[in-house]
Amino acid sequence: MSNNRQIEIYDNKVQKGFNTTDVHIETRLMLQEVTEFMRAVERGDKDNMLEELADICIFCYGIAEITNIGDLDKKIDDKILINRNRKYTINEDGDAVKVG
């Protein structure tokens, strides 16, 4: 079952005549948004960083609806709980690594 945000984003795609069938196209477009976010990071442009993060999230919700894989908000809530309870250690490179 989808959430209202997913449906709203999907409906906007339909109204604008955007792609609503090809997940490969959507993923490529999302990667372009990630690149735009990285450029904003490099410039230190916090306003644009936030806007690009929003664009990335919009693509995630749209892809979830296009693929009919379920409620992304619920999965995010579930994953937050998993991550909260997960144990990590820091390796010699300074990276956090899951324990167990």
C-alpha atoms as a PDB file:
ATOM      1  CA  MET A   1       0.000   0.000   0.000  1.00  0.00           C
ATOM      2  CA  SER A   2       1.314   3.444  -0.949  1.00  0.00           C
ATOM      3  CA  ASN A   3       1.374   6.518   1.225  1.00  0.00           C
ATOM      4  CA  ASN A   4      -0.121   9.895   0.366  1.00  0.00           C
ATOM      5  CA  ARG A   5       3.283  11.430  -0.430  1.00  0.00           C
ATOM      6  CA  GLN A   6       4.028   8.707  -2.980  1.00  0.00           C
ATOM      7  CA  ILE A   7       0.612   9.089  -4.580  1.00  0.00           C
ATOM      8  CA  GLU A   8       0.922  12.882  -4.707  1.00  0.00           C
ATOM      9  CA  ILE A   9       4.339  12.652  -6.367  1.00  0.00           C
ATOM     10  CA  TYR A  10       3.109  10.028  -8.830  1.00  0.00           C
ATOM     11  CA  ASP A  11       0.000  12.055  -9.650  1.00  0.00           C
ATOM     12  CA  ASN A  12       2.163  15.113 -10.340  1.00  0.00           C
ATOM     13  CA  LYS A  13       4.268  13.031 -12.752  1.00  0.00           C
ATOM     14  CA  VAL A  14       1.113  11.944 -14.562  1.00  0.00           C
ATOM     15  CA  GLN A  15      -0.253  15.515 -14.726  1.00  0.00           C
ATOM     16  CA  LYS A  16       3.045  16.848 -16.099  1.00  0.00           C
ATOM     17  CA  GLY A  17       3.452  14.009 -18.610  1.00  0.00           C
ATOM     18  CA  PHE A  18       6.629  12.744 -16.941  1.00  0.00           C
ATOM     19  CA  ASN A  19       7.831   9.154 -17.042  1.00  0.00           C
ATOM     20  CA  THR A  20       5.775   6.808 -14.885  1.00  0.00           C
ATOM     21  CA  THR A  21       6.842   3.433 -16.241  1.00  0.00           C
ATOM     22  CA  ASP A  22      10.614   3.170 -16.707  1.00  0.00           C
ATOM     23  CA  VAL A  23      12.499   2.855 -13.426  1.00  0.00           C
ATOM     24  CA  HIS A  24      15.828   3.004 -15.275  1.00  0.00           C
ATOM     25  CA  ILE A  25      15.038   6.500 -16.532  1.00  0.00           C
ATOM     26  CA  GLU A  26      13.951   7.587 -13.065  1.00  0.00           C
ATOM     27  CA  THR A  27      17.117   6.191 -11.510  1.00  0.00           C
ATOM     28  CA  ARG A  28      19.317   8.025 -14.016  1.00  0.00           C
ATOM     29  CA  LEU A  29      17.440  11.258 -13.307  1.00  0.00           C
ATOM     30  CA  MET A  30      17.846  10.699  -9.570  1.00  0.00           C
ATOM     31  CA  LEU A  31      21.595  10.218 -10.070  1.00  0.00           C
ATOM     32  CA  GLN A  32      21.668  13.592 -11.833  1.00  0.00           C
ATOM     33  CA  GLU A  33      20.060  15.086  -8.730  1.00  0.00           C
ATOM     34  CA  VAL A  34      22.749  13.441  -6.576  1.00  0.00           C
ATOM     35  CA  THR A  35      25.379  15.090  -8.797  1.00  0.00           C
ATOM     36  CA  GLU A  36      23.639  18.444  -8.396  1.00  0.00           C
ATOM     37  CA  PHE A  37      23.641  17.895  -4.623  1.00  0.00           C
ATOM     38  CA  MET A  38      27.382  17.144  -4.694  1.00  0.00           C
ATOM     39  CA  ARG A  39      28.045  20.341  -6.649  1.00  0.00           C
ATOM     40  CA  ALA A  40      26.080  22.326  -4.061  1.00  0.00           C
ATOM     41  CA  VAL A  41      28.143  20.667  -1.311  1.00  0.00           C
ATOM     42  CA  GLU A  42      31.355  21.633  -3.080  1.00  0.00           C
ATOM     43  CA  ARG A  43      30.141  25.254  -3.317  1.00  0.00           C
ATOM     44  CA  GLY A  44      28.966  25.260   0.296  1.00  0.00           C
ATOM     45  CA  ASP A  45      25.512  26.324  -0.946  1.00  0.00           C
ATOM     46  CA  LYS A  46      23.310  25.079   1.913  1.00  0.00           C
ATOM     47  CA  ASP A  47      20.023  26.312   0.434  1.00  0.00           C
ATOM     48  CA  ASN A  48      20.683  24.478  -2.825  1.00  0.00           C
ATOM     49  CA  MET A  49      21.914  21.410  -0.916  1.00  0.00           C
ATOM     50  CA  LEU A  50      18.558  21.185   0.846  1.00  0.00           C
ATOM     51  CA  GLU A  51      16.652  21.671  -2.411  1.00  0.00           C
ATOM     52  CA  GLU A  52      18.654  18.932  -4.140  1.00  0.00           C
ATOM     53  CA  LEU A  53      18.106  16.552  -1.208  1.00  0.00           C
ATOM     54  CA  ALA A  54      14.389  17.214  -1.558  1.00  0.00           C
ATOM     55  CA  ASP A  55      14.615  16.392  -5.278  1.00  0.00           C
ATOM     56  CA  ILE A  56      16.413  13.131  -4.473  1.00  0.00           C
ATOM     57  CA  CYS A  57      13.708  12.196  -1.965  1.00  0.00           C
ATOM     58  CA  ILE A  58      10.985  13.026  -4.479  1.00  0.00           C
ATOM     59  CA  PHE A  59      12.586  10.659  -6.968  1.00  0.00           C
ATOM     60  CA  CYS A  60      12.783   7.937  -4.285  1.00  0.00           C
ATOM     61  CA  TYR A  61       9.078   8.275  -3.506  1.00  0.00           C
ATOM     62  CA  GLY A  62       8.208   8.366  -7.193  1.00  0.00           C
ATOM     63  CA  ILE A  63      10.231   5.228  -7.890  1.00  0.00           C
ATOM     64  CA  ALA A  64       8.570   3.450  -4.967  1.00  0.00           C
ATOM     65  CA  GLU A  65       5.168   4.264  -6.453  1.00  0.00           C
ATOM     66  CA  ILE A  66       6.115   3.483 -10.056  1.00  0.00           C
ATOM     67  CA  THR A  67       7.426   0.061  -9.040  1.00  0.00           C
ATOM     68  CA  ASN A  68       4.514  -0.550  -6.645  1.00  0.00           C
ATOM     69  CA  ILE A  69       6.885  -1.937  -4.018  1.00  0.00           C
ATOM     70  CA  GLY A  70       5.094  -0.536  -0.995  1.00  0.00           C
ATOM     71  CA  ASP A  71       4.980   2.353   1.444  1.00  0.00           C
ATOM     72  CA  LEU A  72       8.370   4.087   1.514  1.00  0.00           C
ATOM     73  CA  ASP A  73       7.553   6.077   4.677  1.00  0.00           C
ATOM     74  CA  LYS A  74       6.830   2.843   6.551  1.00  0.00           C
ATOM     75  CA  LYS A  75      10.049   1.258   5.289  1.00  0.00           C
ATOM     76  CA  ILE A  76      12.016   4.347   6.345  1.00  0.00           C
ATOM     77  CA  ASP A  77      10.471   4.143   9.838  1.00  0.00           C
ATOM     78  CA  ASP A  78      11.333   0.430  10.003  1.00  0.00           C
ATOM     79  CA  LYS A  79      14.906   1.076   8.850  1.00  0.00           C
ATOM     80  CA  ILE A  80      15.402   3.889  11.382  1.00  0.00           C
ATOM     81  CA  LEU A  81      14.465   1.452  14.148  1.00  0.00           C
ATOM     82  CA  ILE A  82      16.827  -1.207  12.767  1.00  0.00           C
ATOM     83  CA  ASN A  83      19.663   1.319  12.553  1.00  0.00           C
ATOM     84  CA  ARG A  84      18.959   2.642  16.050  1.00  0.00           C
ATOM     85  CA  ASN A  85      19.372  -0.856  17.478  1.00  0.00           C
ATOM     86  CA  ARG A  86      22.299  -1.895  15.278  1.00  0.00           C
ATOM     87  CA  LYS A  87      25.780  -2.023  16.798  1.00  0.00           C
ATOM     88  CA  TYR A  88      28.789  -0.580  14.974  1.00  0.00           C
ATOM     89  CA  THR A  89      32.508  -0.454  15.463  1.00  0.00           C
ATOM     90  CA  ILE A  90      35.010   1.900  13.849  1.00  0.00           C
ATOM     91  CA  ASN A  91      37.668   0.148  11.747  1.00  0.00           C
ATOM     92  CA  GLU A  92      41.270   1.257  11.225  1.00  0.00           C
ATOM     93  CA  ASP A  93      40.211   3.442   8.268  1.00  0.00           C
ATOM     94  CA  GLY A  94      37.722   5.316  10.449  1.00  0.00           C
ATOM     95  CA  ASP A  95      34.680   3.704   8.808  1.00  0.00           C
ATOM     96  CA  ALA A  96      31.683   2.503  10.825  1.00  0.00           C
ATOM     97  CA  VAL A  97      31.190  -1.233  10.329  1.00  0.00           C
ATOM     98  CA  LYS A  98      28.214  -3.310  11.497  1.00  0.00           C
ATOM     99  CA  VAL A  99      28.934  -5.713  14.332  1.00  0.00           C
ATOM    100  CA  GLY A 100      27.418  -9.187  13.996  1.00  0.00           C
END
